Structure formats: structure tokens, C-alpha cells
Amino acid sequence: MPLDVELFYDSVYIPIMKELENPVREMVNRQYPFIATETRPEVLEELSLMIKEIGRRFLLSLHDMMLWQKSGKDLREIYPKLDEWAVQYPALRKKKNRSFVYR
């Protein structure tokens, strides 16, 4: 295994995958309250498998992007809307100030 892949695996992939399940499960429980009441072991195991699979795909995609960028290629070739997303997504995270003057 190449050194950079091994370093990514040992220093990024393994630690993140170990810590991923509980925060994602909490997020799923907040987003879908009916899942929070689920007690069937088969369903809980399937949810754990889904979380691990999504985490794996995300981290490997991130690694691919990192390698693509290291090789000197432009990520805009893969993601033509990258500049648009870079502006759009941070704007979605800004806290909206609400005015309660009308009350």
C-alpha cells in the first residue's frame, strides 16, 4: 500500500469511522423521531451498517479529491459548479436573525 494511502487510512479513516456512528445516530434521531424509539435489533444493526457505508463512501471520495488535487488537476473538471457551491453552502450555515418586533 502506498505511504500516503496508509497514512490516510491510519490517521484519518480509522479514527473518523470510530467516532462517526454516535453523532450520526443522534442526528438521525433528531431528524426522524420515530427512529429514536426503534428497539428492534435488526433495524438498529441495519442503521449502523448504513451509517458505516455512508461514512466509508464520503471518506473515500474525500481521499480521491485530495489525490486528484495533489496530482495538479483541477477539481472543477469533476465538479463544474464548485465555485457556485463554495459561495452557496457557507451562506446556508449562517444563523438567520429573526425580528420579533411584530409581536
N, C-alpha and C. Protein backbone atom coordinates (compact mmCIF):
# COMPACT_ATOMS: atom_id res chain seq x y z
N MET A 1 0.86 -1.17 0.00
CA MET A 1 0.00 0.00 0.00
C MET A 1 0.90 1.24 0.00
N PRO A 2 0.62 2.21 -0.86
CA PRO A 2 1.43 3.44 -0.87
C PRO A 2 1.36 4.15 0.49
N LEU A 3 2.42 4.86 0.81
CA LEU A 3 2.53 5.50 2.12
C LEU A 3 1.39 6.50 2.36
N ASP A 4 1.06 7.31 1.34
CA ASP A 4 0.00 8.31 1.57
C ASP A 4 -1.35 7.66 1.82
N VAL A 5 -1.61 6.52 1.18
CA VAL A 5 -2.87 5.80 1.42
C VAL A 5 -2.86 5.22 2.83
N GLU A 6 -1.74 4.65 3.23
CA GLU A 6 -1.64 4.08 4.57
C GLU A 6 -1.78 5.16 5.64
N LEU A 7 -1.16 6.32 5.41
CA LEU A 7 -1.28 7.42 6.36
C LEU A 7 -2.73 7.91 6.45
N PHE A 8 -3.38 8.03 5.31
CA PHE A 8 -4.78 8.44 5.31
C PHE A 8 -5.63 7.43 6.06
N TYR A 9 -5.38 6.16 5.81
CA TYR A 9 -6.16 5.10 6.46
C TYR A 9 -5.96 5.12 7.97
N ASP A 10 -4.70 5.20 8.41
CA ASP A 10 -4.40 5.13 9.84
C ASP A 10 -4.74 6.41 10.59
N SER A 11 -4.49 7.56 9.98
CA SER A 11 -4.65 8.82 10.71
C SER A 11 -5.99 9.52 10.48
N VAL A 12 -6.71 9.15 9.42
CA VAL A 12 -7.99 9.82 9.14
C VAL A 12 -9.14 8.81 9.15
N TYR A 13 -9.05 7.81 8.31
CA TYR A 13 -10.18 6.90 8.11
C TYR A 13 -10.57 6.16 9.39
N ILE A 14 -9.63 5.48 10.00
CA ILE A 14 -9.93 4.68 11.20
C ILE A 14 -10.47 5.55 12.34
N PRO A 15 -9.80 6.67 12.69
CA PRO A 15 -10.34 7.49 13.80
C PRO A 15 -11.74 8.06 13.51
N ILE A 16 -11.96 8.51 12.30
CA ILE A 16 -13.27 9.09 11.97
C ILE A 16 -14.34 8.01 12.00
N MET A 17 -14.06 6.86 11.45
CA MET A 17 -15.06 5.79 11.44
C MET A 17 -15.40 5.34 12.86
N LYS A 18 -14.43 5.38 13.77
CA LYS A 18 -14.71 5.01 15.16
C LYS A 18 -15.64 6.02 15.83
N GLU A 19 -15.48 7.29 15.50
CA GLU A 19 -16.26 8.33 16.16
C GLU A 19 -17.52 8.73 15.40
N LEU A 20 -17.73 8.17 14.24
CA LEU A 20 -18.81 8.61 13.37
C LEU A 20 -20.20 8.16 13.82
N GLU A 21 -20.33 6.95 14.29
CA GLU A 21 -21.66 6.37 14.48
C GLU A 21 -22.52 7.10 15.49
N ASN A 22 -22.00 7.42 16.66
CA ASN A 22 -22.83 8.06 17.68
C ASN A 22 -23.35 9.44 17.27
N PRO A 23 -22.51 10.36 16.76
CA PRO A 23 -23.07 11.66 16.33
C PRO A 23 -24.07 11.54 15.19
N VAL A 24 -23.80 10.64 14.25
CA VAL A 24 -24.76 10.48 13.13
C VAL A 24 -26.06 9.88 13.63
N ARG A 25 -25.96 8.92 14.54
CA ARG A 25 -27.18 8.32 15.11
C ARG A 25 -28.00 9.38 15.85
N GLU A 26 -27.33 10.26 16.60
CA GLU A 26 -28.04 11.34 17.29
C GLU A 26 -28.72 12.27 16.29
N MET A 27 -28.03 12.58 15.20
CA MET A 27 -28.61 13.44 14.18
C MET A 27 -29.84 12.78 13.54
N VAL A 28 -29.72 11.50 13.24
CA VAL A 28 -30.86 10.76 12.66
C VAL A 28 -32.03 10.76 13.63
N ASN A 29 -31.76 10.55 14.90
CA ASN A 29 -32.83 10.55 15.90
C ASN A 29 -33.52 11.91 16.01
N ARG A 30 -32.74 12.99 15.86
CA ARG A 30 -33.35 14.33 15.88
C ARG A 30 -34.17 14.59 14.62
N GLN A 31 -33.64 14.17 13.47
CA GLN A 31 -34.33 14.41 12.21
C GLN A 31 -35.56 13.53 12.04
N TYR A 32 -35.47 12.30 12.55
CA TYR A 32 -36.56 11.33 12.40
C TYR A 32 -36.89 10.74 13.77
N PRO A 33 -37.72 11.43 14.55
CA PRO A 33 -38.01 10.99 15.92
C PRO A 33 -38.57 9.56 16.02
N PHE A 34 -39.24 9.08 14.98
CA PHE A 34 -39.78 7.73 15.05
C PHE A 34 -38.66 6.69 15.07
N ILE A 35 -37.48 7.01 14.54
CA ILE A 35 -36.35 6.07 14.59
C ILE A 35 -35.77 6.03 16.01
N ALA A 36 -35.87 7.14 16.73
CA ALA A 36 -35.32 7.20 18.10
C ALA A 36 -36.00 6.20 19.02
N THR A 37 -37.24 5.83 18.70
CA THR A 37 -37.98 4.89 19.55
C THR A 37 -37.80 3.44 19.10
N GLU A 38 -37.04 3.25 18.04
CA GLU A 38 -36.84 1.90 17.50
C GLU A 38 -36.00 1.05 18.45
N THR A 39 -36.44 -0.18 18.69
CA THR A 39 -35.72 -1.09 19.61
C THR A 39 -35.38 -2.43 18.96
N ARG A 40 -35.88 -2.69 17.78
CA ARG A 40 -35.61 -3.99 17.13
C ARG A 40 -34.13 -4.08 16.75
N PRO A 41 -33.43 -5.11 17.21
CA PRO A 41 -32.00 -5.24 16.93
C PRO A 41 -31.66 -5.27 15.44
N GLU A 42 -32.53 -5.91 14.64
CA GLU A 42 -32.26 -5.99 13.20
C GLU A 42 -32.26 -4.61 12.56
N VAL A 43 -33.21 -3.78 12.96
CA VAL A 43 -33.31 -2.43 12.41
C VAL A 43 -32.14 -1.57 12.87
N LEU A 44 -31.78 -1.68 14.14
CA LEU A 44 -30.65 -0.91 14.67
C LEU A 44 -29.34 -1.33 14.00
N GLU A 45 -29.18 -2.62 13.75
CA GLU A 45 -27.98 -3.11 13.07
C GLU A 45 -27.92 -2.60 11.63
N GLU A 46 -29.07 -2.61 10.96
CA GLU A 46 -29.12 -2.10 9.58
C GLU A 46 -28.78 -0.61 9.54
N LEU A 47 -29.27 0.14 10.51
CA LEU A 47 -28.95 1.56 10.59
C LEU A 47 -27.45 1.76 10.80
N SER A 48 -26.84 0.96 11.66
CA SER A 48 -25.40 1.04 11.88
C SER A 48 -24.63 0.73 10.60
N LEU A 49 -25.08 -0.27 9.87
CA LEU A 49 -24.42 -0.61 8.61
C LEU A 49 -24.54 0.52 7.59
N MET A 50 -25.70 1.15 7.54
CA MET A 50 -25.89 2.29 6.63
C MET A 50 -24.97 3.45 6.99
N ILE A 51 -24.87 3.76 8.26
CA ILE A 51 -24.00 4.84 8.72
C ILE A 51 -22.56 4.56 8.33
N LYS A 52 -22.11 3.33 8.54
CA LYS A 52 -20.74 2.97 8.19
C LYS A 52 -20.50 3.05 6.69
N GLU A 53 -21.47 2.61 5.90
CA GLU A 53 -21.32 2.66 4.44
C GLU A 53 -21.26 4.09 3.93
N ILE A 54 -22.12 4.94 4.45
CA ILE A 54 -22.12 6.35 4.03
C ILE A 54 -20.81 7.02 4.44
N GLY A 55 -20.35 6.74 5.65
CA GLY A 55 -19.07 7.29 6.11
C GLY A 55 -17.92 6.82 5.25
N ARG A 56 -17.93 5.54 4.90
CA ARG A 56 -16.87 5.00 4.05
C ARG A 56 -16.85 5.67 2.68
N ARG A 57 -18.04 5.79 2.07
CA ARG A 57 -18.11 6.44 0.75
C ARG A 57 -17.65 7.89 0.81
N PHE A 58 -18.08 8.61 1.85
CA PHE A 58 -17.69 10.01 1.98
C PHE A 58 -16.18 10.15 2.13
N LEU A 59 -15.59 9.37 3.03
CA LEU A 59 -14.15 9.48 3.27
C LEU A 59 -13.34 9.06 2.05
N LEU A 60 -13.77 8.05 1.34
CA LEU A 60 -13.03 7.65 0.15
C LEU A 60 -13.18 8.67 -0.97
N SER A 61 -14.33 9.30 -1.07
CA SER A 61 -14.49 10.39 -2.05
C SER A 61 -13.60 11.57 -1.69
N LEU A 62 -13.52 11.85 -0.40
CA LEU A 62 -12.64 12.93 0.07
C LEU A 62 -11.18 12.60 -0.25
N HIS A 63 -10.79 11.37 -0.04
CA HIS A 63 -9.42 10.95 -0.36
C HIS A 63 -9.15 11.06 -1.86
N ASP A 64 -10.11 10.64 -2.67
CA ASP A 64 -9.96 10.76 -4.12
C ASP A 64 -9.77 12.21 -4.55
N MET A 65 -10.56 13.10 -3.96
CA MET A 65 -10.42 14.52 -4.28
C MET A 65 -9.05 15.04 -3.88
N MET A 66 -8.56 14.60 -2.72
CA MET A 66 -7.25 15.02 -2.25
C MET A 66 -6.16 14.55 -3.22
N LEU A 67 -6.24 13.29 -3.66
CA LEU A 67 -5.26 12.77 -4.61
C LEU A 67 -5.35 13.48 -5.96
N TRP A 68 -6.55 13.76 -6.40
CA TRP A 68 -6.77 14.47 -7.65
C TRP A 68 -6.10 15.85 -7.59
N GLN A 69 -6.29 16.53 -6.48
CA GLN A 69 -5.72 17.86 -6.30
C GLN A 69 -4.19 17.79 -6.18
N LYS A 70 -3.67 16.79 -5.49
CA LYS A 70 -2.21 16.63 -5.35
C LYS A 70 -1.55 16.39 -6.69
N SER A 71 -2.25 15.72 -7.59
CA SER A 71 -1.67 15.44 -8.91
C SER A 71 -1.67 16.66 -9.81
N GLY A 72 -2.18 17.79 -9.31
CA GLY A 72 -2.15 19.04 -10.06
C GLY A 72 -3.37 19.26 -10.93
N LYS A 73 -4.34 18.39 -10.83
CA LYS A 73 -5.55 18.55 -11.63
C LYS A 73 -6.53 19.44 -10.90
N ASP A 74 -7.40 20.05 -11.65
CA ASP A 74 -8.37 20.99 -11.09
C ASP A 74 -9.66 20.25 -10.73
N LEU A 75 -10.13 20.45 -9.51
CA LEU A 75 -11.37 19.81 -9.08
C LEU A 75 -12.58 20.30 -9.86
N ARG A 76 -12.44 21.43 -10.53
CA ARG A 76 -13.55 21.96 -11.32
C ARG A 76 -13.83 21.10 -12.55
N GLU A 77 -12.88 20.26 -12.93
CA GLU A 77 -13.12 19.32 -14.03
C GLU A 77 -14.16 18.28 -13.61
N ILE A 78 -14.10 17.86 -12.34
CA ILE A 78 -15.05 16.88 -11.83
C ILE A 78 -16.34 17.56 -11.38
N TYR A 79 -16.17 18.70 -10.71
CA TYR A 79 -17.30 19.44 -10.14
C TYR A 79 -17.36 20.82 -10.78
N PRO A 80 -18.02 20.94 -11.93
CA PRO A 80 -18.07 22.23 -12.63
C PRO A 80 -18.72 23.34 -11.82
N LYS A 81 -19.58 23.00 -10.87
CA LYS A 81 -20.28 24.01 -10.07
C LYS A 81 -19.56 24.29 -8.75
N LEU A 82 -18.30 23.92 -8.63
CA LEU A 82 -17.56 24.05 -7.38
C LEU A 82 -17.56 25.48 -6.85
N ASP A 83 -17.32 26.47 -7.73
CA ASP A 83 -17.31 27.86 -7.28
C ASP A 83 -18.68 28.30 -6.79
N GLU A 84 -19.71 27.85 -7.47
CA GLU A 84 -21.08 28.18 -7.05
C GLU A 84 -21.39 27.56 -5.68
N TRP A 85 -20.97 26.33 -5.48
CA TRP A 85 -21.19 25.66 -4.20
C TRP A 85 -20.40 26.31 -3.08
N ALA A 86 -19.18 26.74 -3.39
CA ALA A 86 -18.34 27.36 -2.36
C ALA A 86 -18.99 28.62 -1.81
N VAL A 87 -19.74 29.32 -2.63
CA VAL A 87 -20.44 30.53 -2.18
C VAL A 87 -21.76 30.16 -1.52
N GLN A 88 -22.45 29.18 -2.08
CA GLN A 88 -23.80 28.84 -1.62
C GLN A 88 -23.81 28.14 -0.26
N TYR A 89 -23.00 27.14 -0.06
CA TYR A 89 -23.09 26.34 1.17
C TYR A 89 -22.73 27.09 2.43
N PRO A 90 -21.66 27.90 2.45
CA PRO A 90 -21.42 28.67 3.69
C PRO A 90 -22.57 29.62 4.01
N ALA A 91 -23.23 30.14 2.97
CA ALA A 91 -24.35 31.04 3.21
C ALA A 91 -25.51 30.30 3.88
N LEU A 92 -25.65 29.03 3.61
CA LEU A 92 -26.74 28.26 4.23
C LEU A 92 -26.50 28.04 5.72
N ARG A 93 -25.24 28.08 6.14
CA ARG A 93 -24.92 27.81 7.53
C ARG A 93 -25.04 29.05 8.42
N LYS A 94 -25.15 30.23 7.82
CA LYS A 94 -25.23 31.44 8.62
C LYS A 94 -26.52 31.46 9.43
N LYS A 95 -26.40 31.89 10.67
CA LYS A 95 -27.57 31.98 11.53
C LYS A 95 -28.46 33.11 11.03
N LYS A 96 -29.73 32.82 10.93
CA LYS A 96 -30.67 33.83 10.47
C LYS A 96 -31.15 34.64 11.66
N ASN A 97 -31.02 35.94 11.56
CA ASN A 97 -31.51 36.82 12.61
C ASN A 97 -33.00 37.03 12.41
N ARG A 98 -33.74 36.74 13.42
CA ARG A 98 -35.19 36.90 13.34
C ARG A 98 -35.60 38.12 14.13
N SER A 99 -36.52 38.83 13.57
CA SER A 99 -37.04 40.00 14.25
C SER A 99 -38.40 39.67 14.84
N PHE A 100 -38.52 39.89 16.13
CA PHE A 100 -39.79 39.63 16.80
C PHE A 100 -40.50 40.94 17.15
N VAL A 101 -40.19 41.98 16.41
CA VAL A 101 -40.77 43.29 16.67
C VAL A 101 -42.29 43.25 16.52
N TYR A 102 -42.78 42.52 15.55
CA TYR A 102 -44.22 42.47 15.30
C TYR A 102 -44.99 41.86 16.46
N ARG A 103 -44.35 41.11 17.32
CA ARG A 103 -45.06 40.51 18.46
C ARG A 103 -45.28 41.55 19.50
